[in-house]
């Protein structure tokens, strides 16, 4: 992966934009990786792999709702009761 500072990215955005079409470009800000620039095609591919979905509890199948309603915390979690 190509690594570039944020200042360098600003100065030569066209160059790094073209490079990002071929491979991701890691952007460093204050000495730490902070962003990755990648092609829209690669972003779409990665998003398609992400099958996570947020739902309301009432949208869950009945068996999962019942499992959540009847779930008990494990014994080892008792030590955190005073934090509630």
PDB file of N, CA and C in Angstrom:
ATOM      1  N   UNK A   1       0.853  -1.180   0.000  1.00  0.00           N
ATOM      2  CA  UNK A   1       0.000   0.000   0.000  1.00  0.00           C
ATOM      3  C   UNK A   1       0.893   1.236   0.000  1.00  0.00           C
ATOM      4  N   UNK A   2       0.517   2.181  -0.798  1.00  0.00           N
ATOM      5  CA  UNK A   2       1.232   3.452  -0.876  1.00  0.00           C
ATOM      6  C   UNK A   2       0.909   4.267   0.375  1.00  0.00           C
ATOM      7  N   UNK A   3       1.913   4.903   0.963  1.00  0.00           N
ATOM      8  CA  UNK A   3       1.691   5.769   2.132  1.00  0.00           C
ATOM      9  C   UNK A   3       2.107   7.183   1.766  1.00  0.00           C
ATOM     10  N   UNK A   4       1.299   8.148   2.182  1.00  0.00           N
ATOM     11  CA  UNK A   4       1.550   9.549   1.843  1.00  0.00           C
ATOM     12  C   UNK A   4       1.071  10.418   3.005  1.00  0.00           C
ATOM     13  N   UNK A   5       1.709  11.560   3.187  1.00  0.00           N
ATOM     14  CA  UNK A   5       1.244  12.487   4.219  1.00  0.00           C
ATOM     15  C   UNK A   5       0.025  13.248   3.694  1.00  0.00           C
ATOM     16  N   UNK A   6      -0.745  13.793   4.598  1.00  0.00           N
ATOM     17  CA  UNK A   6      -1.918  14.573   4.206  1.00  0.00           C
ATOM     18  C   UNK A   6      -1.504  15.790   3.387  1.00  0.00           C
ATOM     19  N   UNK A   7      -0.407  16.411   3.749  1.00  0.00           N
ATOM     20  CA  UNK A   7       0.069  17.586   3.013  1.00  0.00           C
ATOM     21  C   UNK A   7       0.445  17.206   1.582  1.00  0.00           C
ATOM     22  N   UNK A   8       1.128  16.081   1.423  1.00  0.00           N
ATOM     23  CA  UNK A   8       1.522  15.618   0.095  1.00  0.00           C
ATOM     24  C   UNK A   8       0.289  15.269  -0.745  1.00  0.00           C
ATOM     25  N   UNK A   9      -0.706  14.663  -0.108  1.00  0.00           N
ATOM     26  CA  UNK A   9      -1.953  14.344  -0.814  1.00  0.00           C
ATOM     27  C   UNK A   9      -2.608  15.620  -1.335  1.00  0.00           C
ATOM     28  N   UNK A  10      -2.632  16.654  -0.518  1.00  0.00           N
ATOM     29  CA  UNK A  10      -3.211  17.929  -0.947  1.00  0.00           C
ATOM     30  C   UNK A  10      -2.450  18.518  -2.124  1.00  0.00           C
ATOM     31  N   UNK A  11      -1.129  18.470  -2.050  1.00  0.00           N
ATOM     32  CA  UNK A  11      -0.308  19.057  -3.112  1.00  0.00           C
ATOM     33  C   UNK A  11      -0.444  18.311  -4.433  1.00  0.00           C
ATOM     34  N   UNK A  12      -0.558  16.995  -4.354  1.00  0.00           N
ATOM     35  CA  UNK A  12      -0.575  16.191  -5.577  1.00  0.00           C
ATOM     36  C   UNK A  12      -1.782  15.254  -5.597  1.00  0.00           C
ATOM     37  N   UNK A  13      -2.964  15.836  -5.383  1.00  0.00           N
ATOM     38  CA  UNK A  13      -4.170  15.014  -5.297  1.00  0.00           C
ATOM     39  C   UNK A  13      -4.412  14.222  -6.580  1.00  0.00           C
ATOM     40  N   UNK A  14      -4.210  14.843  -7.730  1.00  0.00           N
ATOM     41  CA  UNK A  14      -4.424  14.149  -8.998  1.00  0.00           C
ATOM     42  C   UNK A  14      -3.573  12.903  -9.122  1.00  0.00           C
ATOM     43  N   UNK A  15      -2.312  13.025  -8.761  1.00  0.00           N
ATOM     44  CA  UNK A  15      -1.391  11.887  -8.840  1.00  0.00           C
ATOM     45  C   UNK A  15      -1.842  10.751  -7.935  1.00  0.00           C
ATOM     46  N   UNK A  16      -2.136  11.090  -6.680  1.00  0.00           N
ATOM     47  CA  UNK A  16      -2.524  10.039  -5.733  1.00  0.00           C
ATOM     48  C   UNK A  16      -3.934   9.521  -6.014  1.00  0.00           C
ATOM     49  N   UNK A  17      -4.784  10.355  -6.577  1.00  0.00           N
ATOM     50  CA  UNK A  17      -6.101   9.881  -6.993  1.00  0.00           C
ATOM     51  C   UNK A  17      -5.966   8.829  -8.082  1.00  0.00           C
ATOM     52  N   UNK A  18      -5.082   9.064  -9.048  1.00  0.00           N
ATOM     53  CA  UNK A  18      -4.836   8.081 -10.105  1.00  0.00           C
ATOM     54  C   UNK A  18      -4.251   6.795  -9.527  1.00  0.00           C
ATOM     55  N   UNK A  19      -3.329   6.924  -8.589  1.00  0.00           N
ATOM     56  CA  UNK A  19      -2.737   5.738  -7.962  1.00  0.00           C
ATOM     57  C   UNK A  19      -3.786   4.952  -7.171  1.00  0.00           C
ATOM     58  N   UNK A  20      -4.704   5.668  -6.541  1.00  0.00           N
ATOM     59  CA  UNK A  20      -5.740   5.007  -5.740  1.00  0.00           C
ATOM     60  C   UNK A  20      -6.689   4.181  -6.602  1.00  0.00           C
ATOM     61  N   UNK A  21      -6.745   4.464  -7.891  1.00  0.00           N
ATOM     62  CA  UNK A  21      -7.555   3.646  -8.790  1.00  0.00           C
ATOM     63  C   UNK A  21      -6.949   2.258  -8.960  1.00  0.00           C
ATOM     64  N   UNK A  22      -5.653   2.141  -8.718  1.00  0.00           N
ATOM     65  CA  UNK A  22      -4.954   0.860  -8.880  1.00  0.00           C
ATOM     66  C   UNK A  22      -4.750   0.132  -7.554  1.00  0.00           C
ATOM     67  N   UNK A  23      -4.464   0.896  -6.493  1.00  0.00           N
ATOM     68  CA  UNK A  23      -4.260   0.306  -5.175  1.00  0.00           C
ATOM     69  C   UNK A  23      -4.557   1.352  -4.102  1.00  0.00           C
ATOM     70  N   UNK A  24      -4.953   0.918  -2.903  1.00  0.00           N
ATOM     71  CA  UNK A  24      -5.271   1.873  -1.838  1.00  0.00           C
ATOM     72  C   UNK A  24      -4.079   2.754  -1.480  1.00  0.00           C
ATOM     73  N   UNK A  25      -4.377   3.986  -1.097  1.00  0.00           N
ATOM     74  CA  UNK A  25      -3.362   4.947  -0.669  1.00  0.00           C
ATOM     75  C   UNK A  25      -3.658   5.310   0.786  1.00  0.00           C
ATOM     76  N   UNK A  26      -2.716   5.025   1.673  1.00  0.00           N
ATOM     77  CA  UNK A  26      -2.866   5.343   3.087  1.00  0.00           C
ATOM     78  C   UNK A  26      -2.390   6.773   3.328  1.00  0.00           C
ATOM     79  N   UNK A  27      -3.207   7.556   4.022  1.00  0.00           N
ATOM     80  CA  UNK A  27      -2.887   8.960   4.286  1.00  0.00           C
ATOM     81  C   UNK A  27      -2.521   9.108   5.757  1.00  0.00           C
ATOM     82  N   UNK A  28      -1.344   9.653   6.001  1.00  0.00           N
ATOM     83  CA  UNK A  28      -0.865   9.881   7.364  1.00  0.00           C
ATOM     84  C   UNK A  28      -1.104  11.336   7.752  1.00  0.00           C
ATOM     85  N   UNK A  29      -1.587  11.526   8.965  1.00  0.00           N
ATOM     86  CA  UNK A  29      -1.827  12.864   9.499  1.00  0.00           C
ATOM     87  C   UNK A  29      -1.232  12.908  10.892  1.00  0.00           C
ATOM     88  N   UNK A  30      -0.348  13.850  11.143  1.00  0.00           N
ATOM     89  CA  UNK A  30       0.360  13.954  12.426  1.00  0.00           C
ATOM     90  C   UNK A  30       1.062  12.651  12.771  1.00  0.00           C
ATOM     91  N   UNK A  31       1.649  12.012  11.744  1.00  0.00           N
ATOM     92  CA  UNK A  31       2.442  10.820  11.972  1.00  0.00           C
ATOM     93  C   UNK A  31       1.675   9.526  12.134  1.00  0.00           C
ATOM     94  N   UNK A  32       0.342   9.565  11.983  1.00  0.00           N
ATOM     95  CA  UNK A  32      -0.458   8.341  12.151  1.00  0.00           C
ATOM     96  C   UNK A  32      -1.342   8.129  10.934  1.00  0.00           C
ATOM     97  N   UNK A  33      -1.544   6.877  10.562  1.00  0.00           N
ATOM     98  CA  UNK A  33      -2.472   6.577   9.478  1.00  0.00           C
ATOM     99  C   UNK A  33      -3.856   7.050   9.881  1.00  0.00           C
ATOM    100  N   UNK A  34      -4.506   7.845   9.024  1.00  0.00           N
ATOM    101  CA  UNK A  34      -5.818   8.359   9.385  1.00  0.00           C
ATOM    102  C   UNK A  34      -6.881   8.072   8.337  1.00  0.00           C
ATOM    103  N   UNK A  35      -6.501   7.942   7.078  1.00  0.00           N
ATOM    104  CA  UNK A  35      -7.467   7.691   6.004  1.00  0.00           C
ATOM    105  C   UNK A  35      -6.871   6.717   5.003  1.00  0.00           C
ATOM    106  N   UNK A  36      -7.751   6.108   4.231  1.00  0.00           N
ATOM    107  CA  UNK A  36      -7.318   5.315   3.090  1.00  0.00           C
ATOM    108  C   UNK A  36      -8.152   5.769   1.903  1.00  0.00           C
ATOM    109  N   UNK A  37      -7.482   6.123   0.816  1.00  0.00           N
ATOM    110  CA  UNK A  37      -8.164   6.522  -0.413  1.00  0.00           C
ATOM    111  C   UNK A  37      -8.152   5.312  -1.337  1.00  0.00           C
ATOM    112  N   UNK A  38      -9.327   4.937  -1.838  1.00  0.00           N
ATOM    113  CA  UNK A  38      -9.412   3.806  -2.743  1.00  0.00           C
ATOM    114  C   UNK A  38     -10.453   4.069  -3.817  1.00  0.00           C
ATOM    115  N   UNK A  39     -10.435   3.283  -4.849  1.00  0.00           N
ATOM    116  CA  UNK A  39     -11.350   3.495  -5.968  1.00  0.00           C
ATOM    117  C   UNK A  39     -12.791   3.223  -5.542  1.00  0.00           C
ATOM    118  N   UNK A  40     -13.713   3.858  -6.252  1.00  0.00           N
ATOM    119  CA  UNK A  40     -15.133   3.629  -5.977  1.00  0.00           C
ATOM    120  C   UNK A  40     -15.492   2.167  -6.231  1.00  0.00           C
ATOM    121  N   UNK A  41     -14.867   1.562  -7.212  1.00  0.00           N
ATOM    122  CA  UNK A  41     -15.115   0.149  -7.518  1.00  0.00           C
ATOM    123  C   UNK A  41     -14.699  -0.747  -6.355  1.00  0.00           C
ATOM    124  N   UNK A  42     -13.528  -0.486  -5.779  1.00  0.00           N
ATOM    125  CA  UNK A  42     -13.061  -1.275  -4.637  1.00  0.00           C
ATOM    126  C   UNK A  42     -13.938  -1.040  -3.414  1.00  0.00           C
ATOM    127  N   UNK A  43     -14.375   0.196  -3.206  1.00  0.00           N
ATOM    128  CA  UNK A  43     -15.271   0.495  -2.092  1.00  0.00           C
ATOM    129  C   UNK A  43     -16.576  -0.284  -2.242  1.00  0.00           C
ATOM    130  N   UNK A  44     -17.142  -0.291  -3.452  1.00  0.00           N
ATOM    131  CA  UNK A  44     -18.398  -1.018  -3.700  1.00  0.00           C
ATOM    132  C   UNK A  44     -18.203  -2.515  -3.456  1.00  0.00           C
ATOM    133  N   UNK A  45     -17.050  -3.046  -3.870  1.00  0.00           N
ATOM    134  CA  UNK A  45     -16.774  -4.462  -3.639  1.00  0.00           C
ATOM    135  C   UNK A  45     -16.727  -4.778  -2.150  1.00  0.00           C
ATOM    136  N   UNK A  46     -16.054  -3.936  -1.383  1.00  0.00           N
ATOM    137  CA  UNK A  46     -15.959  -4.150   0.058  1.00  0.00           C
ATOM    138  C   UNK A  46     -17.316  -4.006   0.741  1.00  0.00           C
ATOM    139  N   UNK A  47     -18.104  -3.026   0.311  1.00  0.00           N
ATOM    140  CA  UNK A  47     -19.438  -2.846   0.901  1.00  0.00           C
ATOM    141  C   UNK A  47     -20.332  -4.054   0.626  1.00  0.00           C
ATOM    142  N   UNK A  48     -20.188  -4.656  -0.550  1.00  0.00           N
ATOM    143  CA  UNK A  48     -20.995  -5.826  -0.886  1.00  0.00           C
ATOM    144  C   UNK A  48     -20.660  -7.015   0.013  1.00  0.00           C
ATOM    145  N   UNK A  49     -19.445  -7.070   0.528  1.00  0.00           N
ATOM    146  CA  UNK A  49     -19.042  -8.152   1.427  1.00  0.00           C
ATOM    147  C   UNK A  49     -19.597  -7.968   2.831  1.00  0.00           C
ATOM    148  N   UNK A  50     -19.980  -6.751   3.178  1.00  0.00           N
ATOM    149  CA  UNK A  50     -20.478  -6.438   4.521  1.00  0.00           C
ATOM    150  C   UNK A  50     -21.967  -6.756   4.581  1.00  0.00           C
ATOM    151  N   UNK A  51     -22.307  -7.845   5.229  1.00  0.00           N
ATOM    152  CA  UNK A  51     -23.700  -8.274   5.292  1.00  0.00           C
ATOM    153  C   UNK A  51     -24.383  -7.875   6.600  1.00  0.00           C
ATOM    154  N   UNK A  52     -23.687  -7.079   7.415  1.00  0.00           N
ATOM    155  CA  UNK A  52     -24.308  -6.657   8.670  1.00  0.00           C
ATOM    156  C   UNK A  52     -25.527  -5.786   8.383  1.00  0.00           C
ATOM    157  N   UNK A  53     -26.508  -5.871   9.254  1.00  0.00           N
ATOM    158  CA  UNK A  53     -27.720  -5.089   9.065  1.00  0.00           C
ATOM    159  C   UNK A  53     -28.274  -4.720  10.439  1.00  0.00           C
ATOM    160  N   UNK A  54     -28.637  -3.471  10.596  1.00  0.00           N
ATOM    161  CA  UNK A  54     -29.238  -3.024  11.855  1.00  0.00           C
ATOM    162  C   UNK A  54     -30.760  -3.161  11.749  1.00  0.00           C
ATOM    163  N   UNK A  55     -31.363  -3.717  12.792  1.00  0.00           N
ATOM    164  CA  UNK A  55     -32.817  -3.870  12.818  1.00  0.00           C
ATOM    165  C   UNK A  55     -33.329  -3.516  14.207  1.00  0.00           C
ATOM    166  N   UNK A  56     -34.597  -3.184  14.282  1.00  0.00           N
ATOM    167  CA  UNK A  56     -35.256  -2.982  15.567  1.00  0.00           C
ATOM    168  C   UNK A  56     -35.538  -4.357  16.173  1.00  0.00           C
ATOM    169  N   UNK A  57     -35.602  -4.437  17.497  1.00  0.00           N
ATOM    170  CA  UNK A  57     -35.862  -5.748  18.123  1.00  0.00           C
ATOM    171  C   UNK A  57     -37.141  -6.412  17.608  1.00  0.00           C
ATOM    172  N   UNK A  58     -38.171  -5.639  17.350  1.00  0.00           N
ATOM    173  CA  UNK A  58     -39.440  -6.228  16.900  1.00  0.00           C
ATOM    174  C   UNK A  58     -39.370  -6.727  15.454  1.00  0.00           C
ATOM    175  N   UNK A  59     -38.303  -6.419  14.754  1.00  0.00           N
ATOM    176  CA  UNK A  59     -38.121  -6.922  13.392  1.00  0.00           C
ATOM    177  C   UNK A  59     -37.393  -8.272  13.370  1.00  0.00           C
ATOM    178  N   UNK A  60     -36.877  -8.696  14.528  1.00  0.00           N
ATOM    179  CA  UNK A  60     -36.184  -9.972  14.611  1.00  0.00           C
ATOM    180  C   UNK A  60     -37.176 -11.122  14.540  1.00  0.00           C
ATOM    181  N   UNK A  61     -36.732 -12.285  14.072  1.00  0.00           N
ATOM    182  CA  UNK A  61     -37.597 -13.467  14.119  1.00  0.00           C
ATOM    183  C   UNK A  61     -37.968 -13.781  15.566  1.00  0.00           C
ATOM    184  N   UNK A  62     -39.116 -14.393  15.759  1.00  0.00           N
ATOM    185  CA  UNK A  62     -39.644 -14.667  17.097  1.00  0.00           C
ATOM    186  C   UNK A  62     -38.666 -15.468  17.950  1.00  0.00           C
ATOM    187  N   UNK A  63     -37.984 -16.456  17.361  1.00  0.00           N
ATOM    188  CA  UNK A  63     -37.069 -17.277  18.162  1.00  0.00           C
ATOM    189  C   UNK A  63     -35.885 -16.465  18.690  1.00  0.00           C
ATOM    190  N   UNK A  64     -35.389 -15.506  17.911  1.00  0.00           N
ATOM    191  CA  UNK A  64     -34.293 -14.661  18.385  1.00  0.00           C
ATOM    192  C   UNK A  64     -34.771 -13.687  19.451  1.00  0.00           C
ATOM    193  N   UNK A  65     -35.964 -13.123  19.278  1.00  0.00           N
ATOM    194  CA  UNK A  65     -36.513 -12.217  20.308  1.00  0.00           C
ATOM    195  C   UNK A  65     -36.657 -12.967  21.621  1.00  0.00           C
ATOM    196  N   UNK A  66     -37.176 -14.180  21.565  1.00  0.00           N
ATOM    197  CA  UNK A  66     -37.366 -14.967  22.783  1.00  0.00           C
ATOM    198  C   UNK A  66     -36.010 -15.289  23.422  1.00  0.00           C
ATOM    199  N   UNK A  67     -35.019 -15.620  22.614  1.00  0.00           N
ATOM    200  CA  UNK A  67     -33.684 -15.915  23.145  1.00  0.00           C
ATOM    201  C   UNK A  67     -33.110 -14.693  23.851  1.00  0.00           C
ATOM    202  N   UNK A  68     -33.306 -13.510  23.281  1.00  0.00           N
ATOM    203  CA  UNK A  68     -32.810 -12.287  23.924  1.00  0.00           C
ATOM    204  C   UNK A  68     -33.552 -11.996  25.224  1.00  0.00           C
ATOM    205  N   UNK A  69     -34.860 -12.220  25.237  1.00  0.00           N
ATOM    206  CA  UNK A  69     -35.665 -11.932  26.424  1.00  0.00           C
ATOM    207  C   UNK A  69     -35.357 -12.876  27.576  1.00  0.00           C
ATOM    208  N   UNK A  70     -34.956 -14.093  27.267  1.00  0.00           N
ATOM    209  CA  UNK A  70     -34.709 -15.081  28.323  1.00  0.00           C
ATOM    210  C   UNK A  70     -33.224 -15.280  28.628  1.00  0.00           C
ATOM    211  N   UNK A  71     -32.362 -14.560  27.963  1.00  0.00           N
ATOM    212  CA  UNK A  71     -30.915 -14.728  28.161  1.00  0.00           C
ATOM    213  C   UNK A  71     -30.510 -14.299  29.568  1.00  0.00           C
ATOM    214  N   UNK A  72     -29.572 -15.023  30.135  1.00  0.00           N
ATOM    215  CA  UNK A  72     -29.025 -14.708  31.456  1.00  0.00           C
ATOM    216  C   UNK A  72     -27.540 -14.409  31.297  1.00  0.00           C
ATOM    217  N   UNK A  73     -27.035 -13.438  32.032  1.00  0.00           N
ATOM    218  CA  UNK A  73     -25.594 -13.138  31.928  1.00  0.00           C
ATOM    219  C   UNK A  73     -24.776 -14.267  32.539  1.00  0.00           C
ATOM    220  N   UNK A  74     -23.567 -14.475  32.065  1.00  0.00           N
ATOM    221  CA  UNK A  74     -22.712 -15.521  32.638  1.00  0.00           C
ATOM    222  C   UNK A  74     -22.303 -15.169  34.069  1.00  0.00           C
ATOM    223  N   UNK A  75     -21.976 -16.178  34.842  1.00  0.00           N
ATOM    224  CA  UNK A  75     -21.592 -16.002  36.247  1.00  0.00           C
ATOM    225  C   UNK A  75     -20.457 -14.995  36.414  1.00  0.00           C
ATOM    226  N   UNK A  76     -19.451 -15.053  35.552  1.00  0.00           N
ATOM    227  CA  UNK A  76     -18.296 -14.174  35.724  1.00  0.00           C
ATOM    228  C   UNK A  76     -18.640 -12.696  35.575  1.00  0.00           C
ATOM    229  N   UNK A  77     -19.793 -12.382  35.022  1.00  0.00           N
ATOM    230  CA  UNK A  77     -20.172 -10.972  34.869  1.00  0.00           C
ATOM    231  C   UNK A  77     -20.762 -10.392  36.151  1.00  0.00           C
ATOM    232  N   UNK A  78     -21.003 -11.216  37.145  1.00  0.00           N
ATOM    233  CA  UNK A  78     -21.573 -10.747  38.406  1.00  0.00           C
ATOM    234  C   UNK A  78     -20.689  -9.699  39.073  1.00  0.00           C
ATOM    235  N   UNK A  79     -19.387  -9.767  38.853  1.00  0.00           N
ATOM    236  CA  UNK A  79     -18.474  -8.825  39.487  1.00  0.00           C
ATOM    237  C   UNK A  79     -18.668  -7.393  38.998  1.00  0.00           C
ATOM    238  N   UNK A  80     -19.414  -7.222  37.931  1.00  0.00           N
ATOM    239  CA  UNK A  80     -19.658  -5.869  37.400  1.00  0.00           C
ATOM    240  C   UNK A  80     -20.997  -5.283  37.857  1.00  0.00           C
ATOM    241  N   UNK A  81     -21.750  -6.000  38.669  1.00  0.00           N
ATOM    242  CA  UNK A  81     -23.072  -5.544  39.104  1.00  0.00           C
ATOM    243  C   UNK A  81     -23.024  -4.198  39.818  1.00  0.00           C
ATOM    244  N   UNK A  82     -21.961  -3.942  40.553  1.00  0.00           N
ATOM    245  CA  UNK A  82     -21.877  -2.682  41.285  1.00  0.00           C
ATOM    246  C   UNK A  82     -21.662  -1.477  40.359  1.00  0.00           C
ATOM    247  N   UNK A  83     -21.361  -1.723  39.107  1.00  0.00           N
ATOM    248  CA  UNK A  83     -21.150  -0.626  38.160  1.00  0.00           C
ATOM    249  C   UNK A  83     -22.442  -0.137  37.508  1.00  0.00           C
ATOM    250  N   UNK A  84     -23.504  -0.879  37.702  1.00  0.00           N
ATOM    251  CA  UNK A  84     -24.787  -0.517  37.068  1.00  0.00           C
ATOM    252  C   UNK A  84     -25.509   0.543  37.862  1.00  0.00           C
TER     253      UNK A  84
END
